[in-house]
Amino acid sequence: MFKIIALVACLAVVVSAYEHEDYHSHPKYKFEYGVKDAHTGDNKEQWEHRDGDAVQGSYSLHEADGTHRVVNYKSDKHVGFQAHVQRAGHAQHPAVYGEHHDGHAHGHGGESYANIDQHH
């Protein structure tokens, strides 16, 4: 019973704090993060800065097909949201996933394939 009372009290504090939030304050923040995992090939990073209504940032990642995507973006109340997307490299997909020296596929579910139709 004590846990229920404590939970209700916490919710009341959160609700009262939410009701008194200043919606006209000037938002301002900066953040960035990145992942570089040589084992899985997961490589990505992002940063973003906001000062009031003006936001700008960028993110990049290595796609599973071997290409590298970079997106630079900005937004403000005058021009709206704008993004510039760049893609470098050529997509390459393995014909068979997990093939071993005996010629049989031993991956998750046997053979793997990709069928891509890109219009540029």
N, C-alpha and C. Protein backbone atom coordinates (compact mmCIF):
# COMPACT_ATOMS: atom_id res chain seq x y z
N MET A 1 0.82 -1.19 0.00
CA MET A 1 0.00 0.00 0.00
C MET A 1 0.87 1.26 0.00
N PHE A 2 2.01 1.17 0.72
CA PHE A 2 2.90 2.33 0.78
C PHE A 2 3.42 2.67 -0.63
N LYS A 3 3.72 1.64 -1.44
CA LYS A 3 4.22 1.88 -2.79
C LYS A 3 3.18 2.61 -3.64
N ILE A 4 1.92 2.27 -3.50
CA ILE A 4 0.87 2.92 -4.27
C ILE A 4 0.74 4.38 -3.87
N ILE A 5 0.79 4.65 -2.57
CA ILE A 5 0.69 6.03 -2.08
C ILE A 5 1.89 6.85 -2.57
N ALA A 6 3.07 6.24 -2.52
CA ALA A 6 4.27 6.93 -2.99
C ALA A 6 4.18 7.22 -4.48
N LEU A 7 3.66 6.28 -5.25
CA LEU A 7 3.51 6.46 -6.69
C LEU A 7 2.53 7.59 -7.00
N VAL A 8 1.41 7.62 -6.31
CA VAL A 8 0.42 8.68 -6.51
C VAL A 8 1.01 10.03 -6.15
N ALA A 9 1.78 10.09 -5.07
CA ALA A 9 2.41 11.34 -4.66
C ALA A 9 3.41 11.82 -5.71
N CYS A 10 4.19 10.89 -6.26
CA CYS A 10 5.15 11.26 -7.32
C CYS A 10 4.43 11.77 -8.55
N LEU A 11 3.34 11.12 -8.94
CA LEU A 11 2.58 11.56 -10.09
C LEU A 11 2.00 12.96 -9.87
N ALA A 12 1.55 13.24 -8.66
CA ALA A 12 1.01 14.56 -8.34
C ALA A 12 2.09 15.63 -8.48
N VAL A 13 3.30 15.33 -8.05
CA VAL A 13 4.41 16.28 -8.17
C VAL A 13 4.74 16.52 -9.64
N VAL A 14 4.77 15.44 -10.43
CA VAL A 14 5.08 15.58 -11.85
C VAL A 14 4.00 16.41 -12.54
N VAL A 15 2.74 16.15 -12.26
CA VAL A 15 1.64 16.88 -12.88
C VAL A 15 1.69 18.35 -12.48
N SER A 16 1.96 18.64 -11.22
CA SER A 16 2.00 20.04 -10.80
C SER A 16 3.20 20.75 -11.43
N ALA A 17 4.33 20.07 -11.58
CA ALA A 17 5.49 20.69 -12.24
C ALA A 17 5.19 20.93 -13.71
N TYR A 18 4.48 20.01 -14.33
CA TYR A 18 4.12 20.14 -15.74
C TYR A 18 3.20 21.32 -15.96
N GLU A 19 2.28 21.54 -15.06
CA GLU A 19 1.31 22.63 -15.21
C GLU A 19 1.98 23.99 -15.10
N HIS A 20 3.11 24.10 -14.43
CA HIS A 20 3.77 25.38 -14.22
C HIS A 20 4.95 25.60 -15.18
N GLU A 21 5.09 24.76 -16.20
CA GLU A 21 6.18 24.89 -17.13
C GLU A 21 6.02 26.17 -17.95
N ASP A 22 7.11 26.87 -18.16
CA ASP A 22 7.11 28.10 -18.95
C ASP A 22 7.25 27.76 -20.42
N TYR A 23 6.16 27.88 -21.17
CA TYR A 23 6.18 27.53 -22.59
C TYR A 23 6.78 28.63 -23.45
N HIS A 24 7.07 29.77 -22.88
CA HIS A 24 7.63 30.88 -23.63
C HIS A 24 9.12 31.06 -23.37
N SER A 25 9.72 30.11 -22.72
CA SER A 25 11.15 30.21 -22.47
C SER A 25 11.93 30.03 -23.77
N HIS A 26 13.16 30.42 -23.78
CA HIS A 26 14.02 30.36 -24.96
C HIS A 26 14.78 29.02 -24.93
N PRO A 27 14.37 28.04 -25.76
CA PRO A 27 15.07 26.75 -25.75
C PRO A 27 16.46 26.88 -26.37
N LYS A 28 17.43 26.26 -25.71
CA LYS A 28 18.80 26.30 -26.20
C LYS A 28 19.52 25.04 -25.74
N TYR A 29 20.09 24.31 -26.71
CA TYR A 29 20.83 23.10 -26.35
C TYR A 29 21.81 22.74 -27.45
N LYS A 30 22.74 21.88 -27.10
CA LYS A 30 23.70 21.28 -28.02
C LYS A 30 23.88 19.82 -27.60
N PHE A 31 23.94 18.93 -28.57
CA PHE A 31 24.28 17.55 -28.24
C PHE A 31 25.01 16.92 -29.41
N GLU A 32 25.72 15.87 -29.12
CA GLU A 32 26.37 15.06 -30.15
C GLU A 32 26.62 13.67 -29.59
N TYR A 33 26.64 12.71 -30.49
CA TYR A 33 26.98 11.35 -30.10
C TYR A 33 27.53 10.61 -31.30
N GLY A 34 28.18 9.50 -31.04
CA GLY A 34 28.71 8.69 -32.12
C GLY A 34 28.92 7.26 -31.68
N VAL A 35 28.88 6.36 -32.65
CA VAL A 35 29.12 4.94 -32.42
C VAL A 35 30.09 4.47 -33.48
N LYS A 36 31.15 3.78 -33.07
CA LYS A 36 32.09 3.17 -34.01
C LYS A 36 32.39 1.78 -33.48
N ASP A 37 31.70 0.80 -34.04
CA ASP A 37 31.84 -0.59 -33.61
C ASP A 37 32.48 -1.39 -34.74
N ALA A 38 33.76 -1.69 -34.60
CA ALA A 38 34.48 -2.42 -35.65
C ALA A 38 33.95 -3.84 -35.83
N HIS A 39 33.44 -4.43 -34.77
CA HIS A 39 32.93 -5.80 -34.85
C HIS A 39 31.68 -5.90 -35.72
N THR A 40 30.73 -5.00 -35.52
CA THR A 40 29.47 -5.06 -36.26
C THR A 40 29.46 -4.15 -37.49
N GLY A 41 30.40 -3.22 -37.56
CA GLY A 41 30.41 -2.27 -38.66
C GLY A 41 29.44 -1.12 -38.46
N ASP A 42 28.86 -1.02 -37.27
CA ASP A 42 27.91 0.04 -36.96
C ASP A 42 28.69 1.33 -36.71
N ASN A 43 28.63 2.24 -37.66
CA ASN A 43 29.33 3.52 -37.57
C ASN A 43 28.34 4.62 -37.88
N LYS A 44 28.11 5.48 -36.89
CA LYS A 44 27.19 6.59 -37.10
C LYS A 44 27.51 7.69 -36.10
N GLU A 45 27.08 8.90 -36.45
CA GLU A 45 27.26 10.02 -35.53
C GLU A 45 26.20 11.08 -35.83
N GLN A 46 25.94 11.90 -34.83
CA GLN A 46 24.96 12.96 -34.98
C GLN A 46 25.32 14.10 -34.06
N TRP A 47 25.00 15.31 -34.50
CA TRP A 47 25.08 16.48 -33.63
C TRP A 47 23.93 17.41 -33.98
N GLU A 48 23.52 18.20 -33.00
CA GLU A 48 22.44 19.16 -33.22
C GLU A 48 22.62 20.31 -32.25
N HIS A 49 22.35 21.52 -32.74
CA HIS A 49 22.37 22.74 -31.93
C HIS A 49 21.04 23.44 -32.11
N ARG A 50 20.50 23.93 -31.01
CA ARG A 50 19.27 24.72 -31.08
C ARG A 50 19.45 25.97 -30.25
N ASP A 51 19.00 27.09 -30.83
CA ASP A 51 19.00 28.37 -30.14
C ASP A 51 17.69 29.05 -30.50
N GLY A 52 16.71 28.95 -29.62
CA GLY A 52 15.38 29.48 -29.91
C GLY A 52 14.69 28.65 -30.98
N ASP A 53 14.25 29.31 -32.05
CA ASP A 53 13.59 28.62 -33.14
C ASP A 53 14.56 28.10 -34.20
N ALA A 54 15.83 28.43 -34.09
CA ALA A 54 16.83 28.01 -35.09
C ALA A 54 17.48 26.70 -34.65
N VAL A 55 17.38 25.69 -35.51
CA VAL A 55 17.97 24.38 -35.25
C VAL A 55 18.84 24.03 -36.44
N GLN A 56 20.03 23.49 -36.16
CA GLN A 56 20.84 22.95 -37.24
C GLN A 56 21.56 21.73 -36.71
N GLY A 57 21.82 20.80 -37.63
CA GLY A 57 22.48 19.58 -37.22
C GLY A 57 22.91 18.75 -38.41
N SER A 58 23.46 17.60 -38.09
CA SER A 58 23.95 16.69 -39.10
C SER A 58 23.98 15.29 -38.52
N TYR A 59 23.72 14.30 -39.38
CA TYR A 59 23.97 12.92 -38.98
C TYR A 59 24.54 12.16 -40.15
N SER A 60 25.33 11.16 -39.84
CA SER A 60 25.91 10.33 -40.89
C SER A 60 25.94 8.89 -40.40
N LEU A 61 25.91 7.98 -41.37
CA LEU A 61 25.95 6.56 -41.03
C LEU A 61 26.45 5.77 -42.22
N HIS A 62 27.01 4.62 -41.92
CA HIS A 62 27.41 3.66 -42.94
C HIS A 62 26.23 2.72 -43.15
N GLU A 63 25.72 2.71 -44.37
CA GLU A 63 24.58 1.85 -44.69
C GLU A 63 25.05 0.40 -44.80
N ALA A 64 24.12 -0.52 -44.67
CA ALA A 64 24.44 -1.94 -44.78
C ALA A 64 24.95 -2.31 -46.17
N ASP A 65 24.60 -1.51 -47.18
CA ASP A 65 25.04 -1.82 -48.54
C ASP A 65 26.43 -1.28 -48.86
N GLY A 66 27.10 -0.67 -47.86
CA GLY A 66 28.45 -0.17 -48.06
C GLY A 66 28.54 1.30 -48.39
N THR A 67 27.42 1.97 -48.60
CA THR A 67 27.45 3.40 -48.88
C THR A 67 27.50 4.19 -47.58
N HIS A 68 27.82 5.46 -47.71
CA HIS A 68 27.89 6.35 -46.55
C HIS A 68 26.92 7.49 -46.78
N ARG A 69 25.98 7.69 -45.87
CA ARG A 69 24.98 8.74 -45.99
C ARG A 69 25.28 9.85 -45.00
N VAL A 70 25.21 11.10 -45.47
CA VAL A 70 25.38 12.28 -44.62
C VAL A 70 24.18 13.20 -44.86
N VAL A 71 23.52 13.59 -43.79
CA VAL A 71 22.38 14.50 -43.87
C VAL A 71 22.69 15.73 -43.02
N ASN A 72 22.71 16.88 -43.67
CA ASN A 72 22.86 18.16 -42.98
C ASN A 72 21.50 18.85 -43.03
N TYR A 73 21.05 19.38 -41.91
CA TYR A 73 19.72 19.98 -41.87
C TYR A 73 19.72 21.25 -41.03
N LYS A 74 18.72 22.08 -41.31
CA LYS A 74 18.51 23.28 -40.51
C LYS A 74 17.04 23.64 -40.59
N SER A 75 16.60 24.37 -39.60
CA SER A 75 15.21 24.77 -39.54
C SER A 75 15.10 26.05 -38.72
N ASP A 76 14.26 26.95 -39.20
CA ASP A 76 13.90 28.12 -38.41
C ASP A 76 12.54 28.61 -38.90
N LYS A 77 12.01 29.62 -38.23
CA LYS A 77 10.65 30.06 -38.55
C LYS A 77 10.56 30.81 -39.88
N HIS A 78 11.70 31.21 -40.46
CA HIS A 78 11.67 31.95 -41.71
C HIS A 78 11.72 31.04 -42.94
N VAL A 79 12.56 30.00 -42.91
CA VAL A 79 12.73 29.14 -44.09
C VAL A 79 12.13 27.75 -43.90
N GLY A 80 11.69 27.44 -42.71
CA GLY A 80 11.17 26.10 -42.45
C GLY A 80 12.29 25.08 -42.33
N PHE A 81 11.99 23.82 -42.62
CA PHE A 81 12.97 22.74 -42.51
C PHE A 81 13.62 22.50 -43.86
N GLN A 82 14.96 22.44 -43.86
CA GLN A 82 15.71 22.14 -45.08
C GLN A 82 16.73 21.06 -44.76
N ALA A 83 16.83 20.07 -45.64
CA ALA A 83 17.81 19.00 -45.45
C ALA A 83 18.57 18.78 -46.75
N HIS A 84 19.86 18.54 -46.61
CA HIS A 84 20.71 18.23 -47.76
C HIS A 84 21.26 16.82 -47.51
N VAL A 85 20.92 15.89 -48.39
CA VAL A 85 21.30 14.49 -48.23
C VAL A 85 22.38 14.15 -49.25
N GLN A 86 23.47 13.57 -48.77
CA GLN A 86 24.55 13.12 -49.64
C GLN A 86 24.74 11.62 -49.42
N ARG A 87 25.04 10.94 -50.51
CA ARG A 87 25.31 9.50 -50.42
C ARG A 87 26.58 9.24 -51.21
N ALA A 88 27.57 8.64 -50.57
CA ALA A 88 28.85 8.36 -51.21
C ALA A 88 29.06 6.86 -51.33
N GLY A 89 29.71 6.46 -52.40
CA GLY A 89 30.02 5.05 -52.61
C GLY A 89 28.97 4.38 -53.47
N HIS A 90 29.20 3.12 -53.76
CA HIS A 90 28.29 2.32 -54.58
C HIS A 90 27.75 1.17 -53.76
N ALA A 91 26.47 0.93 -53.87
CA ALA A 91 25.83 -0.15 -53.12
C ALA A 91 26.38 -1.49 -53.58
N GLN A 92 26.73 -2.32 -52.62
CA GLN A 92 27.22 -3.66 -52.91
C GLN A 92 26.56 -4.62 -51.94
N HIS A 93 25.94 -5.63 -52.49
CA HIS A 93 25.26 -6.62 -51.67
C HIS A 93 25.85 -7.99 -51.95
N PRO A 94 26.10 -8.77 -50.91
CA PRO A 94 26.61 -10.12 -51.14
C PRO A 94 25.54 -10.98 -51.81
N ALA A 95 25.96 -11.82 -52.74
CA ALA A 95 25.01 -12.71 -53.42
C ALA A 95 24.44 -13.72 -52.44
N VAL A 96 25.28 -14.22 -51.54
CA VAL A 96 24.85 -15.21 -50.56
C VAL A 96 25.46 -14.85 -49.21
N TYR A 97 24.65 -14.89 -48.19
CA TYR A 97 25.12 -14.58 -46.84
C TYR A 97 25.58 -15.86 -46.16
N GLY A 98 26.74 -15.85 -45.58
CA GLY A 98 27.20 -16.97 -44.75
C GLY A 98 27.67 -18.17 -45.54
N GLU A 99 28.09 -18.02 -46.80
CA GLU A 99 28.54 -19.17 -47.57
C GLU A 99 29.90 -19.62 -47.07
N HIS A 100 30.06 -20.93 -46.92
CA HIS A 100 31.32 -21.50 -46.45
C HIS A 100 31.98 -22.26 -47.57
N HIS A 101 33.12 -22.85 -47.29
CA HIS A 101 33.91 -23.53 -48.31
C HIS A 101 33.19 -24.69 -48.97
N ASP A 102 32.16 -25.24 -48.34
CA ASP A 102 31.45 -26.36 -48.95
C ASP A 102 30.36 -25.90 -49.91
N GLY A 103 30.21 -24.58 -50.11
CA GLY A 103 29.25 -24.07 -51.07
C GLY A 103 27.84 -23.93 -50.53
N HIS A 104 27.61 -24.28 -49.29
CA HIS A 104 26.28 -24.17 -48.69
C HIS A 104 26.19 -22.93 -47.83
N ALA A 105 25.03 -22.32 -47.83
CA ALA A 105 24.80 -21.15 -47.00
C ALA A 105 24.44 -21.59 -45.60
N HIS A 106 25.07 -20.97 -44.61
CA HIS A 106 24.82 -21.34 -43.22
C HIS A 106 24.37 -20.14 -42.40
N GLY A 107 23.82 -19.13 -43.04
CA GLY A 107 23.37 -17.94 -42.33
C GLY A 107 21.98 -18.16 -41.76
N HIS A 108 21.35 -17.07 -41.36
CA HIS A 108 20.00 -17.13 -40.80
C HIS A 108 19.01 -17.37 -41.92
N GLY A 109 18.55 -18.56 -42.07
CA GLY A 109 17.54 -18.87 -43.07
C GLY A 109 18.09 -19.20 -44.43
N GLY A 110 19.36 -19.51 -44.56
CA GLY A 110 19.89 -19.93 -45.85
C GLY A 110 20.41 -18.77 -46.67
N GLU A 111 19.95 -18.66 -47.90
CA GLU A 111 20.48 -17.64 -48.81
C GLU A 111 19.89 -16.27 -48.53
N SER A 112 20.65 -15.28 -48.89
CA SER A 112 20.21 -13.90 -48.74
C SER A 112 20.43 -13.21 -50.07
N TYR A 113 19.53 -12.33 -50.44
CA TYR A 113 19.69 -11.60 -51.68
C TYR A 113 19.10 -10.21 -51.53
N ALA A 114 19.42 -9.36 -52.44
CA ALA A 114 18.88 -8.01 -52.45
C ALA A 114 18.50 -7.67 -53.88
N ASN A 115 17.39 -7.03 -54.03
CA ASN A 115 16.90 -6.58 -55.32
C ASN A 115 16.59 -5.12 -55.20
N ILE A 116 17.45 -4.26 -55.79
CA ILE A 116 17.32 -2.83 -55.60
C ILE A 116 17.00 -2.16 -56.93
N ASP A 117 16.02 -1.29 -56.92
CA ASP A 117 15.67 -0.50 -58.08
C ASP A 117 15.69 0.96 -57.62
N GLN A 118 16.77 1.65 -57.92
CA GLN A 118 16.91 3.05 -57.49
C GLN A 118 16.77 3.96 -58.69
N HIS A 119 16.01 4.99 -58.53
CA HIS A 119 15.83 6.00 -59.58
C HIS A 119 16.47 7.29 -59.09
N HIS A 120 17.42 7.78 -59.85
CA HIS A 120 18.11 9.02 -59.46
C HIS A 120 17.77 10.12 -60.41
